[in-house]
């Protein structure tokens, strides 16, 4: 097994699905998006000051699903080898919208020789092509259907300010812990693979 690292770029084309398969993939949670929002003064604002006017619980659930998928993708890569994700770009993403494409660079610490994984579509067969192995780790995360316990930021207005019968809406800044259904973005490994492009950036001569 080589010890010389290699570097790849992975780009994933998004899908416009309905819940619970919505949200696509995102490294940031809603809280991180809002905390990093830039206000009119050009400064980053506190997260609780940045709820978009139309922000809903459905938006929050979708973004949480996207973040669960990102973490699943990182985990799948970790099952194969020591890899480090960097330079993440979520094109078109915001606190309320999924990216149209999600791309990142991945450093494979022990190089191409460490990239080996079983092929679920051909039992008993190993995938050894580096690009194909990386694509497979991503596609596994994109086809998962799961139910996870997750913290979800709930922006639903409360209908009272503490006075019985009050109708004034007060934003509910806080999280709910619930069983979150995270649906598959693509319905098969083949469909997921077709949305993934893996490009070598650095492959040392071994």
C-alpha atoms as a PDB file:
ATOM      1  CA  UNK A   1       0.000   0.000   0.000  1.00  0.00           C
ATOM      2  CA  UNK A   2       1.382   3.387  -0.957  1.00  0.00           C
ATOM      3  CA  UNK A   3       1.980   6.033   1.673  1.00  0.00           C
ATOM      4  CA  UNK A   4       1.996   8.972  -0.761  1.00  0.00           C
ATOM      5  CA  UNK A   5      -1.238  10.991  -0.561  1.00  0.00           C
ATOM      6  CA  UNK A   6      -3.434  11.724  -3.559  1.00  0.00           C
ATOM      7  CA  UNK A   7      -5.959  14.499  -4.082  1.00  0.00           C
ATOM      8  CA  UNK A   8      -9.323  14.477  -5.862  1.00  0.00           C
ATOM      9  CA  UNK A   9     -12.219  16.807  -6.507  1.00  0.00           C
ATOM     10  CA  UNK A  10     -15.709  15.380  -6.142  1.00  0.00           C
ATOM     11  CA  UNK A  11     -18.729  17.184  -7.569  1.00  0.00           C
ATOM     12  CA  UNK A  12     -22.302  16.046  -6.973  1.00  0.00           C
ATOM     13  CA  UNK A  13     -25.268  17.232  -9.016  1.00  0.00           C
ATOM     14  CA  UNK A  14     -28.264  18.053  -6.842  1.00  0.00           C
ATOM     15  CA  UNK A  15     -31.798  16.742  -7.008  1.00  0.00           C
ATOM     16  CA  UNK A  16     -35.013  18.670  -6.372  1.00  0.00           C
ATOM     17  CA  UNK A  17     -36.927  16.153  -4.268  1.00  0.00           C
ATOM     18  CA  UNK A  18     -39.829  16.413  -1.855  1.00  0.00           C
ATOM     19  CA  UNK A  19     -39.678  15.545   1.851  1.00  0.00           C
ATOM     20  CA  UNK A  20     -38.237  13.388   3.278  1.00  0.00           C
ATOM     21  CA  UNK A  21     -35.784  13.241   0.368  1.00  0.00           C
ATOM     22  CA  UNK A  22     -35.383  17.022   0.209  1.00  0.00           C
ATOM     23  CA  UNK A  23     -32.460  19.249   1.168  1.00  0.00           C
ATOM     24  CA  UNK A  24     -29.796  17.408  -0.885  1.00  0.00           C
ATOM     25  CA  UNK A  25     -26.416  17.657   0.975  1.00  0.00           C
ATOM     26  CA  UNK A  26     -24.974  20.395   3.147  1.00  0.00           C
ATOM     27  CA  UNK A  27     -21.981  20.678   5.463  1.00  0.00           C
ATOM     28  CA  UNK A  28     -23.672  23.472   7.425  1.00  0.00           C
ATOM     29  CA  UNK A  29     -26.702  23.208   9.676  1.00  0.00           C
ATOM     30  CA  UNK A  30     -29.349  25.951   9.767  1.00  0.00           C
ATOM     31  CA  UNK A  31     -27.679  27.447  12.833  1.00  0.00           C
ATOM     32  CA  UNK A  32     -24.344  27.631  11.014  1.00  0.00           C
ATOM     33  CA  UNK A  33     -25.928  29.214   7.964  1.00  0.00           C
ATOM     34  CA  UNK A  34     -27.657  31.855  10.030  1.00  0.00           C
ATOM     35  CA  UNK A  35     -24.634  32.521  12.218  1.00  0.00           C
ATOM     36  CA  UNK A  36     -22.529  33.132   9.102  1.00  0.00           C
ATOM     37  CA  UNK A  37     -25.099  35.333   7.356  1.00  0.00           C
ATOM     38  CA  UNK A  38     -23.823  38.781   6.437  1.00  0.00           C
ATOM     39  CA  UNK A  39     -26.031  41.720   7.342  1.00  0.00           C
ATOM     40  CA  UNK A  40     -26.517  45.030   5.563  1.00  0.00           C
ATOM     41  CA  UNK A  41     -23.573  46.453   7.478  1.00  0.00           C
ATOM     42  CA  UNK A  42     -21.270  43.830   5.981  1.00  0.00           C
ATOM     43  CA  UNK A  43     -20.784  42.145   9.354  1.00  0.00           C
ATOM     44  CA  UNK A  44     -21.723  38.656  10.448  1.00  0.00           C
ATOM     45  CA  UNK A  45     -24.863  38.766  12.550  1.00  0.00           C
ATOM     46  CA  UNK A  46     -25.978  36.650  15.485  1.00  0.00           C
ATOM     47  CA  UNK A  47     -27.911  33.587  14.337  1.00  0.00           C
ATOM     48  CA  UNK A  48     -31.138  34.531  16.082  1.00  0.00           C
ATOM     49  CA  UNK A  49     -31.270  37.821  14.191  1.00  0.00           C
ATOM     50  CA  UNK A  50     -31.130  36.258  10.754  1.00  0.00           C
ATOM     51  CA  UNK A  51     -34.257  34.205  10.215  1.00  0.00           C
ATOM     52  CA  UNK A  52     -35.389  34.917   6.645  1.00  0.00           C
ATOM     53  CA  UNK A  53     -38.978  36.238   6.585  1.00  0.00           C
ATOM     54  CA  UNK A  54     -40.298  33.076   4.957  1.00  0.00           C
ATOM     55  CA  UNK A  55     -38.219  30.618   7.027  1.00  0.00           C
ATOM     56  CA  UNK A  56     -40.325  27.627   8.084  1.00  0.00           C
ATOM     57  CA  UNK A  57     -39.979  24.417  10.032  1.00  0.00           C
ATOM     58  CA  UNK A  58     -40.052  22.551   6.693  1.00  0.00           C
ATOM     59  CA  UNK A  59     -36.978  24.535   5.592  1.00  0.00           C
ATOM     60  CA  UNK A  60     -35.244  23.652   8.846  1.00  0.00           C
ATOM     61  CA  UNK A  61     -36.076  19.949   8.511  1.00  0.00           C
ATOM     62  CA  UNK A  62     -34.771  19.881   4.938  1.00  0.00           C
ATOM     63  CA  UNK A  63     -31.477  21.483   5.952  1.00  0.00           C
ATOM     64  CA  UNK A  64     -31.077  19.061   8.849  1.00  0.00           C
ATOM     65  CA  UNK A  65     -31.610  16.125   6.478  1.00  0.00           C
ATOM     66  CA  UNK A  66     -28.965  17.607   4.178  1.00  0.00           C
ATOM     67  CA  UNK A  67     -26.505  17.792   7.061  1.00  0.00           C
ATOM     68  CA  UNK A  68     -27.260  14.199   8.096  1.00  0.00           C
ATOM     69  CA  UNK A  69     -26.430  13.086   4.537  1.00  0.00           C
ATOM     70  CA  UNK A  70     -23.166  15.030   4.600  1.00  0.00           C
ATOM     71  CA  UNK A  71     -22.138  13.314   7.826  1.00  0.00           C
ATOM     72  CA  UNK A  72     -23.144   9.947   6.342  1.00  0.00           C
ATOM     73  CA  UNK A  73     -20.924  10.669   3.342  1.00  0.00           C
ATOM     74  CA  UNK A  74     -17.967  11.505   5.600  1.00  0.00           C
ATOM     75  CA  UNK A  75     -18.580   8.281   7.523  1.00  0.00           C
ATOM     76  CA  UNK A  76     -18.684   6.192   4.332  1.00  0.00           C
ATOM     77  CA  UNK A  77     -15.331   7.633   3.274  1.00  0.00           C
ATOM     78  CA  UNK A  78     -13.933   6.872   6.697  1.00  0.00           C
ATOM     79  CA  UNK A  79     -14.933   3.215   6.340  1.00  0.00           C
ATOM     80  CA  UNK A  80     -12.691   2.949   3.265  1.00  0.00           C
ATOM     81  CA  UNK A  81      -9.624   4.889   4.405  1.00  0.00           C
ATOM     82  CA  UNK A  82      -8.122   7.976   5.975  1.00  0.00           C
ATOM     83  CA  UNK A  83      -9.511  10.889   3.975  1.00  0.00           C
ATOM     84  CA  UNK A  84      -9.749  14.597   4.631  1.00  0.00           C
ATOM     85  CA  UNK A  85     -12.400  16.835   3.108  1.00  0.00           C
ATOM     86  CA  UNK A  86     -11.541  20.443   2.251  1.00  0.00           C
ATOM     87  CA  UNK A  87     -12.609  23.326   0.009  1.00  0.00           C
ATOM     88  CA  UNK A  88     -16.320  22.569   0.267  1.00  0.00           C
ATOM     89  CA  UNK A  89     -18.506  24.563  -2.154  1.00  0.00           C
ATOM     90  CA  UNK A  90     -22.312  24.365  -1.942  1.00  0.00           C
ATOM     91  CA  UNK A  91     -23.351  26.256  -5.058  1.00  0.00           C
ATOM     92  CA  UNK A  92     -26.685  28.026  -4.694  1.00  0.00           C
ATOM     93  CA  UNK A  93     -27.220  26.947  -1.095  1.00  0.00           C
ATOM     94  CA  UNK A  94     -28.615  29.086   1.705  1.00  0.00           C
ATOM     95  CA  UNK A  95     -30.338  28.562   5.033  1.00  0.00           C
ATOM     96  CA  UNK A  96     -33.560  27.883   3.124  1.00  0.00           C
ATOM     97  CA  UNK A  97     -32.368  26.274  -0.103  1.00  0.00           C
ATOM     98  CA  UNK A  98     -30.429  23.208  -1.194  1.00  0.00           C
ATOM     99  CA  UNK A  99     -27.315  23.512  -3.345  1.00  0.00           C
ATOM    100  CA  UNK A 100     -27.601  22.883  -7.056  1.00  0.00           C
ATOM    101  CA  UNK A 101     -24.182  21.259  -6.917  1.00  0.00           C
ATOM    102  CA  UNK A 102     -22.035  20.222  -3.966  1.00  0.00           C
ATOM    103  CA  UNK A 103     -18.301  19.878  -4.480  1.00  0.00           C
ATOM    104  CA  UNK A 104     -15.208  19.385  -2.375  1.00  0.00           C
ATOM    105  CA  UNK A 105     -11.617  18.198  -2.499  1.00  0.00           C
ATOM    106  CA  UNK A 106     -10.645  15.012  -0.716  1.00  0.00           C
ATOM    107  CA  UNK A 107      -7.101  14.166   0.342  1.00  0.00           C
ATOM    108  CA  UNK A 108      -6.499  10.409   0.456  1.00  0.00           C
ATOM    109  CA  UNK A 109      -3.788  10.075   3.079  1.00  0.00           C
ATOM    110  CA  UNK A 110      -2.373   6.739   1.957  1.00  0.00           C
ATOM    111  CA  UNK A 111      -2.894   7.270  -1.758  1.00  0.00           C
ATOM    112  CA  UNK A 112      -4.669   5.351  -4.482  1.00  0.00           C
ATOM    113  CA  UNK A 113      -3.483   1.977  -3.224  1.00  0.00           C
ATOM    114  CA  UNK A 114      -5.675   2.338  -0.147  1.00  0.00           C
ATOM    115  CA  UNK A 115      -8.851   2.877  -2.171  1.00  0.00           C
ATOM    116  CA  UNK A 116     -10.519  -0.517  -2.283  1.00  0.00           C
ATOM    117  CA  UNK A 117     -14.120  -1.408  -1.483  1.00  0.00           C
ATOM    118  CA  UNK A 118     -16.665  -4.159  -2.130  1.00  0.00           C
ATOM    119  CA  UNK A 119     -19.050  -3.762  -5.053  1.00  0.00           C
ATOM    120  CA  UNK A 120     -22.632  -4.268  -3.880  1.00  0.00           C
ATOM    121  CA  UNK A 121     -23.832  -4.603  -7.470  1.00  0.00           C
ATOM    122  CA  UNK A 122     -21.436  -7.524  -8.090  1.00  0.00           C
ATOM    123  CA  UNK A 123     -21.228  -9.595  -4.887  1.00  0.00           C
ATOM    124  CA  UNK A 124     -17.750 -10.895  -4.122  1.00  0.00           C
ATOM    125  CA  UNK A 125     -16.102  -8.337  -6.398  1.00  0.00           C
ATOM    126  CA  UNK A 126     -13.811  -5.517  -5.302  1.00  0.00           C
ATOM    127  CA  UNK A 127     -13.727  -2.024  -6.776  1.00  0.00           C
ATOM    128  CA  UNK A 128     -10.105  -0.906  -7.123  1.00  0.00           C
ATOM    129  CA  UNK A 129     -10.314   2.024  -9.531  1.00  0.00           C
ATOM    130  CA  UNK A 130      -9.713   5.096  -7.297  1.00  0.00           C
ATOM    131  CA  UNK A 131     -12.326   7.325  -8.955  1.00  0.00           C
ATOM    132  CA  UNK A 132     -14.921   4.559  -8.830  1.00  0.00           C
ATOM    133  CA  UNK A 133     -14.220   3.859  -5.153  1.00  0.00           C
ATOM    134  CA  UNK A 134     -14.638   7.514  -4.206  1.00  0.00           C
ATOM    135  CA  UNK A 135     -17.836   7.795  -6.234  1.00  0.00           C
ATOM    136  CA  UNK A 136     -19.201   4.692  -4.520  1.00  0.00           C
ATOM    137  CA  UNK A 137     -18.564   6.057  -1.020  1.00  0.00           C
ATOM    138  CA  UNK A 138     -20.577   9.151  -1.921  1.00  0.00           C
ATOM    139  CA  UNK A 139     -23.373   7.263  -3.679  1.00  0.00           C
ATOM    140  CA  UNK A 140     -23.859   5.010  -0.644  1.00  0.00           C
ATOM    141  CA  UNK A 141     -24.702   8.057   1.447  1.00  0.00           C
ATOM    142  CA  UNK A 142     -27.068   9.427  -1.191  1.00  0.00           C
ATOM    143  CA  UNK A 143     -29.218   6.275  -1.367  1.00  0.00           C
ATOM    144  CA  UNK A 144     -29.622   5.766   2.378  1.00  0.00           C
ATOM    145  CA  UNK A 145     -33.052   5.809   3.972  1.00  0.00           C
ATOM    146  CA  UNK A 146     -32.715   6.368   7.689  1.00  0.00           C
ATOM    147  CA  UNK A 147     -34.494   7.539  10.820  1.00  0.00           C
ATOM    148  CA  UNK A 148     -32.202   9.402  13.198  1.00  0.00           C
ATOM    149  CA  UNK A 149     -32.605  11.283  16.445  1.00  0.00           C
ATOM    150  CA  UNK A 150     -31.782  14.859  15.523  1.00  0.00           C
ATOM    151  CA  UNK A 151     -31.880  18.352  16.927  1.00  0.00           C
ATOM    152  CA  UNK A 152     -33.957  20.575  14.647  1.00  0.00           C
ATOM    153  CA  UNK A 153     -34.149  24.345  14.956  1.00  0.00           C
ATOM    154  CA  UNK A 154     -37.833  25.243  15.165  1.00  0.00           C
ATOM    155  CA  UNK A 155     -38.804  28.758  13.987  1.00  0.00           C
ATOM    156  CA  UNK A 156     -42.555  28.157  14.414  1.00  0.00           C
ATOM    157  CA  UNK A 157     -44.110  31.207  16.121  1.00  0.00           C
ATOM    158  CA  UNK A 158     -45.671  30.681  19.500  1.00  0.00           C
ATOM    159  CA  UNK A 159     -49.147  32.130  19.826  1.00  0.00           C
ATOM    160  CA  UNK A 160     -48.785  33.647  23.264  1.00  0.00           C
ATOM    161  CA  UNK A 161     -46.454  35.951  25.146  1.00  0.00           C
ATOM    162  CA  UNK A 162     -47.424  34.500  28.473  1.00  0.00           C
ATOM    163  CA  UNK A 163     -50.813  36.154  28.755  1.00  0.00           C
ATOM    164  CA  UNK A 164     -53.714  33.762  28.401  1.00  0.00           C
ATOM    165  CA  UNK A 165     -55.557  34.375  25.142  1.00  0.00           C
ATOM    166  CA  UNK A 166     -52.809  36.490  23.606  1.00  0.00           C
ATOM    167  CA  UNK A 167     -52.532  36.208  19.820  1.00  0.00           C
ATOM    168  CA  UNK A 168     -49.199  37.977  19.353  1.00  0.00           C
ATOM    169  CA  UNK A 169     -46.694  35.698  17.620  1.00  0.00           C
ATOM    170  CA  UNK A 170     -43.364  35.314  19.354  1.00  0.00           C
ATOM    171  CA  UNK A 171     -40.589  33.457  17.468  1.00  0.00           C
ATOM    172  CA  UNK A 172     -39.643  30.176  19.095  1.00  0.00           C
ATOM    173  CA  UNK A 173     -35.874  30.312  19.006  1.00  0.00           C
ATOM    174  CA  UNK A 174     -34.716  26.863  20.003  1.00  0.00           C
ATOM    175  CA  UNK A 175     -34.382  23.253  18.985  1.00  0.00           C
ATOM    176  CA  UNK A 176     -36.656  20.258  18.976  1.00  0.00           C
ATOM    177  CA  UNK A 177     -35.306  16.743  19.397  1.00  0.00           C
ATOM    178  CA  UNK A 178     -37.219  14.293  17.271  1.00  0.00           C
ATOM    179  CA  UNK A 179     -37.039  11.219  15.076  1.00  0.00           C
ATOM    180  CA  UNK A 180     -36.073  12.637  11.705  1.00  0.00           C
ATOM    181  CA  UNK A 181     -36.768  10.601   8.571  1.00  0.00           C
ATOM    182  CA  UNK A 182     -34.005  11.122   6.017  1.00  0.00           C
ATOM    183  CA  UNK A 183     -34.983   9.824   2.599  1.00  0.00           C
ATOM    184  CA  UNK A 184     -32.728   8.803  -0.257  1.00  0.00           C
ATOM    185  CA  UNK A 185     -31.756  11.506  -2.743  1.00  0.00           C
ATOM    186  CA  UNK A 186     -31.377   8.900  -5.500  1.00  0.00           C
ATOM    187  CA  UNK A 187     -33.148   5.555  -5.698  1.00  0.00           C
ATOM    188  CA  UNK A 188     -30.162   3.426  -6.741  1.00  0.00           C
ATOM    189  CA  UNK A 189     -26.381   3.341  -6.770  1.00  0.00           C
ATOM    190  CA  UNK A 190     -26.480   3.665 -10.549  1.00  0.00           C
ATOM    191  CA  UNK A 191     -28.593   6.819 -10.420  1.00  0.00           C
ATOM    192  CA  UNK A 192     -26.410   8.295  -7.686  1.00  0.00           C
ATOM    193  CA  UNK A 193     -23.198   7.478  -9.552  1.00  0.00           C
ATOM    194  CA  UNK A 194     -24.485   9.277 -12.636  1.00  0.00           C
ATOM    195  CA  UNK A 195     -24.706  12.484 -10.586  1.00  0.00           C
ATOM    196  CA  UNK A 196     -21.126  12.239  -9.291  1.00  0.00           C
ATOM    197  CA  UNK A 197     -17.969  13.424 -11.040  1.00  0.00           C
ATOM    198  CA  UNK A 198     -14.563  12.533  -9.580  1.00  0.00           C
ATOM    199  CA  UNK A 199     -11.555  14.417 -10.955  1.00  0.00           C
ATOM    200  CA  UNK A 200      -7.919  13.623 -10.023  1.00  0.00           C
ATOM    201  CA  UNK A 201      -5.991  16.699  -8.885  1.00  0.00           C
ATOM    202  CA  UNK A 202      -2.784  15.024  -7.734  1.00  0.00           C
ATOM    203  CA  UNK A 203      -1.648  11.432  -8.095  1.00  0.00           C
ATOM    204  CA  UNK A 204       2.012  10.852  -7.196  1.00  0.00           C
ATOM    205  CA  UNK A 205       4.090   8.344  -9.112  1.00  0.00           C
ATOM    206  CA  UNK A 206       4.389   5.326  -6.860  1.00  0.00           C
END
